[in-house]
Amino acid sequence: MKITVNGEMHDVAVAPDMPLLWVLRDELKLTGTKYGCGIAQCGACTVHIDGVAVRSCQMPVGDLEGEVTTIEGLGQPQVLHAVQAAWVEHQVAQCGYCQSGQIMAAASFLDTNPDPTDADIDRVMSANLCRCGTYPRIREAVKTAAASLRGA
């Protein structure tokens, strides 16, 4: 089957019920998307499908409709996305394992809510688990990214 990932078309010879996560990691060698829980509860495997945040561990590749963007494709070559830059600025990552999913969730969220409140950020981002508890830094980074994307 053919899938488009990060703007590039790929032919993959896999079973249609294979989770997108494993296609990305094992077939396409895009290992930035992480396996966390396998039941779509932690958010480590978050990618975008046509800009919408989706848990790739539960998305059968055969059901895929649209273009996939992974953490590797979020920014432009040599240019970080505003969310990635804010993550660096606020030194959000501690262990770092959940961060690609956190960043992908935040980027999708800011596409639909360019001026979020703290409550908005907490509500949306609480769906992605961080074992290190960097939630205050995540909130600040999302606010910084939002301001950057608005040109403030």
Protein backbone atom coordinates (compact mmCIF):
# COMPACT_ATOMS: atom_id res chain seq x y z
CA MET A 1 0.00 0.00 0.00
CA LYS A 2 1.03 3.60 -0.48
CA ILE A 3 1.23 6.10 2.37
CA THR A 4 2.48 9.66 2.49
CA VAL A 5 4.69 10.47 5.45
CA ASN A 6 6.37 13.85 5.94
CA GLY A 7 5.58 14.81 2.36
CA GLU A 8 7.10 11.68 0.83
CA MET A 9 5.17 8.80 -0.73
CA HIS A 10 6.15 5.32 0.47
CA ASP A 11 5.20 1.83 -0.70
CA VAL A 12 4.90 -0.48 2.29
CA ALA A 13 4.26 -4.21 2.11
CA VAL A 14 2.50 -4.78 5.43
CA ALA A 15 -0.76 -6.23 6.68
CA PRO A 16 -3.54 -3.61 6.70
CA ASP A 17 -4.14 -4.20 10.42
CA MET A 18 -0.54 -3.32 11.33
CA PRO A 19 -0.54 -0.23 13.58
CA LEU A 20 0.80 2.90 11.93
CA LEU A 21 3.34 3.20 14.77
CA TRP A 22 5.10 0.02 13.68
CA VAL A 23 5.03 1.00 10.02
CA LEU A 24 6.71 4.29 10.93
CA ARG A 25 9.29 2.76 13.25
CA ASP A 26 10.03 -0.64 11.71
CA GLU A 27 9.35 -0.16 8.02
CA LEU A 28 10.24 3.51 7.47
CA LYS A 29 12.85 3.77 10.26
CA LEU A 30 11.28 6.96 11.64
CA THR A 31 11.96 6.27 15.30
CA GLY A 32 11.06 9.67 16.76
CA THR A 33 7.51 8.44 17.34
CA LYS A 34 7.64 6.35 20.52
CA TYR A 35 5.83 3.29 21.79
CA GLY A 36 4.45 3.97 25.24
CA CYS A 37 1.43 1.95 26.29
CA GLY A 38 0.03 0.40 23.11
CA ILE A 39 -3.57 1.28 24.08
CA ALA A 40 -3.71 4.96 23.01
CA GLN A 41 -3.67 6.24 26.59
CA CYS A 42 -0.25 7.84 27.06
CA GLY A 43 0.28 9.89 23.89
CA ALA A 44 3.92 8.95 23.25
CA CYS A 45 2.95 7.73 19.77
CA THR A 46 1.13 10.91 18.70
CA VAL A 47 1.50 11.90 15.05
CA HIS A 48 -0.57 14.13 12.78
CA ILE A 49 -2.89 12.88 10.08
CA ASP A 50 -3.80 15.86 7.93
CA GLY A 51 -2.83 18.08 10.89
CA VAL A 52 -4.95 16.28 13.48
CA ALA A 53 -3.21 14.63 16.44
CA VAL A 54 -3.74 10.84 16.35
CA ARG A 55 -2.40 7.99 18.47
CA SER A 56 -0.50 5.88 15.96
CA CYS A 57 -0.37 2.75 18.14
CA GLN A 58 -4.08 2.15 17.54
CA MET A 59 -4.36 3.36 13.93
CA PRO A 60 -4.38 0.41 11.50
CA VAL A 61 -2.37 1.48 8.49
CA GLY A 62 -5.11 0.07 6.24
CA ASP A 63 -7.56 2.62 7.69
CA LEU A 64 -5.21 5.53 7.07
CA GLU A 65 -6.67 8.35 5.00
CA GLY A 66 -4.52 11.42 4.66
CA GLU A 67 -0.93 12.52 5.03
CA VAL A 68 1.05 11.56 8.11
CA THR A 69 3.44 13.98 9.78
CA THR A 70 5.83 12.68 12.40
CA ILE A 71 8.13 14.59 14.73
CA GLU A 72 10.83 14.25 12.05
CA GLY A 73 8.62 16.15 9.58
CA LEU A 74 7.16 18.79 11.89
CA GLY A 75 9.71 21.53 11.26
CA GLN A 76 11.44 22.38 8.06
CA PRO A 77 14.95 21.23 7.24
CA GLN A 78 17.27 23.15 9.55
CA VAL A 79 14.32 25.15 11.03
CA LEU A 80 12.50 24.10 14.19
CA HIS A 81 8.72 24.41 14.42
CA ALA A 82 7.69 27.07 16.96
CA VAL A 83 6.67 24.34 19.42
CA GLN A 84 10.02 22.58 19.10
CA ALA A 85 11.86 25.89 19.61
CA ALA A 86 9.77 26.64 22.70
CA TRP A 87 10.51 23.17 24.10
CA VAL A 88 14.23 23.92 23.80
CA GLU A 89 13.86 27.42 25.23
CA HIS A 90 11.99 26.16 28.31
CA GLN A 91 14.12 23.03 28.64
CA VAL A 92 10.95 20.95 28.84
CA ALA A 93 12.46 17.53 28.33
CA GLN A 94 13.76 15.66 31.32
CA CYS A 95 13.99 12.01 30.29
CA GLY A 96 12.57 13.02 26.89
CA TYR A 97 10.68 9.85 26.09
CA CYS A 98 7.22 11.43 25.84
CA GLN A 99 8.37 14.64 24.23
CA SER A 100 7.77 13.84 20.56
CA GLY A 101 4.15 12.98 21.41
CA GLN A 102 3.84 16.07 23.60
CA ILE A 103 5.19 18.31 20.84
CA MET A 104 2.93 16.78 18.19
CA ALA A 105 -0.12 17.20 20.45
CA ALA A 106 0.80 20.81 21.21
CA ALA A 107 1.36 21.69 17.54
CA SER A 108 -2.01 20.27 16.50
CA PHE A 109 -3.72 22.00 19.44
CA LEU A 110 -2.22 25.40 18.55
CA ASP A 111 -3.45 25.03 14.97
CA THR A 112 -7.01 25.13 16.33
CA ASN A 113 -6.48 27.37 19.37
CA PRO A 114 -3.85 30.05 18.71
CA ASP A 115 -4.42 31.88 22.01
CA PRO A 116 -5.03 29.23 24.67
CA THR A 117 -5.60 29.85 28.36
CA ASP A 118 -3.74 27.90 31.01
CA ALA A 119 -6.90 25.84 31.53
CA ASP A 120 -7.08 25.08 27.78
CA ILE A 121 -3.46 23.96 27.76
CA ASP A 122 -3.86 21.84 30.88
CA ARG A 123 -7.01 20.19 29.54
CA VAL A 124 -5.54 19.26 26.17
CA MET A 125 -2.01 18.44 27.23
CA SER A 126 -3.07 16.32 30.21
CA ALA A 127 -4.03 13.63 27.68
CA ASN A 128 -0.29 13.10 27.09
CA LEU A 129 1.46 11.54 30.07
CA CYS A 130 4.84 12.70 31.32
CA ARG A 131 6.37 10.45 33.97
CA CYS A 132 8.92 13.12 34.86
CA GLY A 133 6.16 15.66 35.63
CA THR A 134 7.39 18.53 33.47
CA TYR A 135 3.84 19.83 33.07
CA PRO A 136 4.61 23.40 34.27
CA ARG A 137 7.39 23.68 31.66
CA ILE A 138 5.09 22.14 29.03
CA ARG A 139 2.44 24.80 29.78
CA GLU A 140 5.00 27.61 29.51
CA ALA A 141 6.41 26.22 26.28
CA VAL A 142 2.94 25.95 24.74
CA LYS A 143 2.25 29.59 25.69
CA THR A 144 5.59 30.67 24.19
CA ALA A 145 4.91 28.71 20.99
CA ALA A 146 1.41 30.19 20.74
CA ALA A 147 2.80 33.71 21.01
CA SER A 148 5.46 32.92 18.42
CA LEU A 149 2.92 31.48 15.98
CA ARG A 150 0.70 34.56 16.45
CA GLY A 151 3.72 36.77 15.72
CA ALA A 152 3.54 38.32 19.20
